[in-house]
Protein backbone atom coordinates (compact mmCIF):
# COMPACT_ATOMS: atom_id res chain seq x y z
CA MET A 1 -62.03 7.25 -6.12
CA ASP A 2 -58.22 8.73 -6.35
CA ILE A 3 -55.98 6.93 -3.77
CA LYS A 4 -53.70 9.24 -2.25
CA ASN A 5 -53.15 7.33 0.90
CA SER A 6 -54.10 4.60 4.04
CA LYS A 7 -57.01 6.61 5.63
CA ASP A 8 -58.22 6.38 0.88
CA ILE A 9 -57.33 2.78 1.73
CA PHE A 10 -59.79 2.68 4.09
CA GLU A 11 -62.19 4.22 3.07
CA LEU A 12 -61.84 2.03 -0.13
CA ILE A 13 -61.81 -0.98 1.47
CA ASN A 14 -65.48 0.08 3.70
CA LYS A 15 -67.16 0.56 0.25
CA LEU A 16 -65.80 -2.49 -0.97
CA LYS A 17 -67.58 -4.11 1.97
CA ILE A 18 -71.14 -2.60 1.70
CA LYS A 19 -71.04 -3.78 -1.70
CA LEU A 20 -69.72 -6.82 -0.91
CA GLU A 21 -72.68 -7.21 1.82
CA LYS A 22 -75.45 -5.45 -0.44
CA THR A 23 -74.32 -8.23 -3.22
CA ASN A 24 -74.94 -10.94 -0.28
CA SER A 25 -77.90 -9.41 0.19
CA ILE A 26 -79.32 -9.63 -3.04
CA ASP A 27 -78.56 -13.51 -2.92
CA LYS A 28 -80.29 -13.64 0.27
CA LYS A 29 -83.54 -12.25 -1.29
CA VAL A 30 -82.99 -14.12 -4.65
CA ASP A 31 -83.50 -17.06 -2.54
CA LYS A 32 -86.12 -16.32 -0.91
CA ASN A 33 -88.24 -15.73 -3.65
CA HIS A 34 -87.42 -18.04 -6.37
CA GLU A 35 -90.83 -17.93 -8.14
CA ASN A 36 -89.73 -14.53 -9.14
CA VAL A 37 -86.13 -14.99 -9.78
CA GLU A 38 -87.15 -16.01 -13.70
CA LYS A 39 -89.55 -12.55 -13.93
CA ASN A 40 -86.60 -10.70 -12.70
CA LYS A 41 -83.92 -12.44 -13.88
CA ASP A 42 -82.34 -10.20 -16.71
CA LYS A 43 -83.27 -7.06 -14.34
CA LYS A 44 -81.20 -8.16 -11.24
CA THR A 45 -78.55 -10.09 -13.41
CA GLU A 46 -77.97 -6.40 -15.49
CA GLN A 47 -77.42 -5.16 -11.80
CA VAL A 48 -75.18 -7.83 -10.68
CA GLU A 49 -72.15 -7.43 -13.39
CA GLU A 50 -72.93 -3.08 -12.85
CA LYS A 51 -71.75 -3.58 -9.01
CA ASP A 52 -68.97 -5.97 -10.36
CA ILE A 53 -67.79 -3.81 -12.67
CA LYS A 54 -67.42 -0.96 -10.02
CA ASN A 55 -66.26 -3.54 -7.10
CA LEU A 56 -63.69 -4.70 -9.95
CA SER A 57 -62.65 -0.48 -10.97
CA ASP A 58 -61.94 -0.33 -7.32
CA ILE A 59 -59.97 -3.21 -6.82
CA GLU A 60 -58.05 -2.37 -9.47
CA LYS A 61 -57.72 0.76 -8.30
CA LEU A 62 -56.49 -0.71 -4.80
CA GLU A 63 -54.29 -3.36 -6.20
CA LEU A 64 -52.63 -0.36 -8.26
CA PHE A 65 -51.99 2.01 -5.48
CA LEU A 66 -50.75 -1.49 -3.17
CA VAL A 67 -48.44 -1.90 -5.65
CA GLU A 68 -47.26 1.76 -5.78
CA LEU A 69 -46.46 1.47 -2.51
CA ILE A 70 -44.39 -1.85 -2.75
CA GLU A 71 -42.31 -0.32 -5.31
CA LYS A 72 -41.38 2.88 -3.36
CA ASN A 73 -40.95 0.93 -0.45
CA GLN A 74 -38.25 -0.94 -2.55
CA LYS A 75 -37.02 1.90 -3.61
CA LEU A 76 -36.17 3.96 -0.29
CA GLU A 77 -34.98 0.91 0.84
CA GLU A 78 -32.63 0.70 -1.69
CA GLU A 79 -31.68 4.07 -1.18
CA LYS A 80 -31.14 3.19 2.89
CA LEU A 81 -29.05 0.47 1.89
CA MET A 82 -27.14 3.10 -0.59
CA ALA A 83 -26.96 5.59 1.66
CA VAL A 84 -25.46 3.63 4.77
CA ALA A 85 -22.89 2.04 2.40
CA ASP A 86 -21.93 5.77 1.48
CA ASN A 87 -21.52 6.74 5.14
CA GLN A 88 -20.15 3.90 5.78
CA ASN A 89 -17.07 3.93 2.91
CA THR A 90 -16.88 7.63 4.23
CA VAL A 91 -15.79 6.36 7.23
CA LYS A 92 -13.95 4.53 6.54
CA ARG A 93 -11.74 7.00 3.92
CA PHE A 94 -11.65 9.22 6.54
CA GLN A 95 -10.22 6.72 9.30
CA ASN A 96 -8.08 5.35 6.70
CA GLU A 97 -6.82 9.13 6.23
CA TYR A 98 -6.45 9.61 9.85
CA VAL A 99 -3.71 6.84 10.10
CA LEU A 100 -1.91 7.88 6.87
CA VAL A 101 -1.61 11.34 8.78
CA LYS A 102 -0.64 9.52 12.69
CA LYS A 103 1.44 7.43 10.63
CA TYR A 104 3.89 10.00 8.51
CA ALA A 105 3.09 13.01 10.67
CA GLY A 106 6.64 13.85 11.16
CA GLU A 107 7.72 13.03 7.21
CA LYS A 108 8.60 16.85 6.78
CA LEU A 109 10.32 17.15 10.07
CA ALA A 110 12.47 14.27 9.36
CA ALA A 111 13.32 15.00 5.11
CA ASN A 112 14.13 18.52 6.38
CA ILE A 113 16.48 17.20 9.49
CA LEU A 114 18.36 14.01 7.62
CA PRO A 115 20.52 16.09 5.70
CA ALA A 116 22.60 18.16 8.62
CA ILE A 117 22.32 13.96 9.50
CA ASP A 118 24.12 12.79 7.03
CA MET A 119 27.13 15.62 7.13
CA PHE A 120 27.02 14.38 11.00
CA ARG A 121 28.19 10.86 9.06
CA SER A 122 30.13 12.57 6.51
CA VAL A 123 32.26 13.93 9.16
CA LEU A 124 32.29 10.51 11.51
CA LYS A 125 34.03 9.16 8.05
CA THR A 126 37.17 11.14 8.64
CA SER A 127 40.19 9.94 10.46
CA PRO A 128 42.37 13.06 12.03
CA ASP A 129 45.59 12.69 13.75
CA ASN A 130 44.91 15.32 16.15
CA PRO A 131 43.72 13.56 19.53
CA GLU A 132 41.15 16.32 20.58
CA ILE A 133 38.76 16.28 17.34
CA LYS A 134 39.22 12.36 17.75
CA ASN A 135 37.29 13.24 20.87
CA TYR A 136 35.18 15.36 19.62
CA LEU A 137 34.14 12.55 17.08
CA MET A 138 33.49 9.97 19.74
CA GLY A 139 31.18 12.38 21.36
CA PHE A 140 29.35 12.67 17.73
CA GLU A 141 29.51 9.33 17.23
CA MET A 142 27.09 8.76 20.44
CA ILE A 143 24.81 11.74 19.10
CA ILE A 144 24.15 9.83 16.04
CA ASN A 145 23.49 6.67 18.20
CA GLN A 146 20.79 8.65 19.39
CA ILE A 147 19.72 10.16 16.74
CA ASP A 148 19.46 6.68 14.91
CA GLN A 149 17.52 4.96 17.72
CA ALA A 150 15.20 8.25 17.72
CA LEU A 151 14.64 7.41 13.58
CA THR A 152 14.70 4.13 13.84
CA ASN A 153 11.50 4.38 16.84
CA SER A 154 9.50 6.77 14.59
CA GLY A 155 9.40 3.96 11.44
CA ILE A 156 12.69 5.84 9.43
CA SER A 157 15.32 4.01 8.52
CA ILE A 158 17.89 4.16 5.94
CA ILE A 159 17.30 2.80 2.28
CA ALA A 160 20.71 -0.44 1.65
CA VAL A 161 22.58 1.54 -1.12
CA LYS A 162 25.86 0.29 -2.71
CA GLU A 163 28.22 0.81 -5.42
CA GLY A 164 27.28 -1.90 -8.39
CA ASP A 165 23.61 -1.33 -7.52
CA ASP A 166 20.94 -1.16 -10.42
CA PHE A 167 20.11 2.39 -11.10
CA ASP A 168 16.31 2.30 -9.67
CA PRO A 169 14.56 5.60 -9.88
CA GLU A 170 11.81 4.79 -6.78
CA ILE A 171 14.71 5.14 -4.47
CA HIS A 172 17.38 6.96 -6.43
CA SER A 173 18.42 10.26 -7.72
CA ALA A 174 20.99 10.18 -10.08
CA ILE A 175 23.33 13.66 -10.07
CA GLU A 176 25.42 12.78 -12.47
CA GLN A 177 26.45 9.82 -15.16
CA ILE A 178 29.87 8.95 -15.63
CA GLU A 179 32.32 7.23 -17.89
CA THR A 180 33.31 4.28 -16.16
CA ASP A 181 34.72 0.33 -17.16
CA LYS A 182 34.15 -0.78 -13.63
CA TYR A 183 30.42 -0.34 -13.72
CA SER A 184 27.72 -1.79 -16.88
CA SER A 185 25.62 1.25 -17.96
CA GLY A 186 23.04 1.81 -15.51
CA LYS A 187 25.11 1.09 -12.75
CA VAL A 188 25.46 3.25 -9.38
CA THR A 189 29.21 4.38 -9.56
CA ASN A 190 29.35 6.08 -6.47
CA VAL A 191 26.67 6.95 -3.22
CA ILE A 192 27.11 10.44 -2.69
CA SER A 193 24.36 10.48 -0.11
CA ASN A 194 21.68 8.50 2.00
CA GLY A 195 18.25 7.36 1.29
CA TYR A 196 15.74 7.42 3.78
CA LYS A 197 12.59 5.70 4.42
CA MET A 198 8.95 6.05 6.62
CA TYR A 199 7.63 2.50 6.47
CA ASP A 200 7.11 1.70 3.50
CA ARG A 201 7.02 5.58 2.24
CA VAL A 202 10.63 6.96 0.70
CA ILE A 203 11.26 10.84 1.86
CA LYS A 204 14.93 11.39 0.66
CA HIS A 205 15.98 9.32 -2.93
CA ALA A 206 19.29 8.41 -2.34
CA ASN A 207 21.92 11.04 -4.52
CA VAL A 208 24.27 8.48 -6.40
CA LYS A 209 26.28 8.38 -9.36
CA VAL A 210 25.60 6.77 -12.45
CA ALA A 211 27.81 4.74 -14.92
CA LYS A 212 27.03 6.00 -18.91
């Protein structure tokens, strides 16, 4: 009998029960007819052995099928766990990507307006004699302060760079190498424009000149 599903298992179990009942019935008849035991011993022994062989064959089939079921169940459990783990990893990845997108959403806009802001800063460093221009510059300074506060609120800050610093390609962009006795090779000699970062990400490198 080929075992393919649970119905086959129940049918096989019922067959085994019937066979066992028949075997028990034979044993009882043997007990009642003790006087005929010796005479029919060989014949009955052969019948019992044949039945035992059949029973053993069916039991082995049942055991094999149960082992296969257990292995399939274990495999399904492993696949289920892997699917759950993959799903959790996918959810975490999308959550992380969402957080990053939200965190750095203003990066492109900031990178585009920062050069204009630096131009304002350069203008504020001048010292004109004309009182009217000075008043304009005071107004510009107030605007710059407000912009700086807005940038800070968005996680944007100026990268601190000064002359004499070691050149760092992570935060600096060398626009020129110059000969100088003031600084050793690889040192920043001039800061041309500020660098900026948004949180821990550099969004604009500081333009500098570097000593040869």
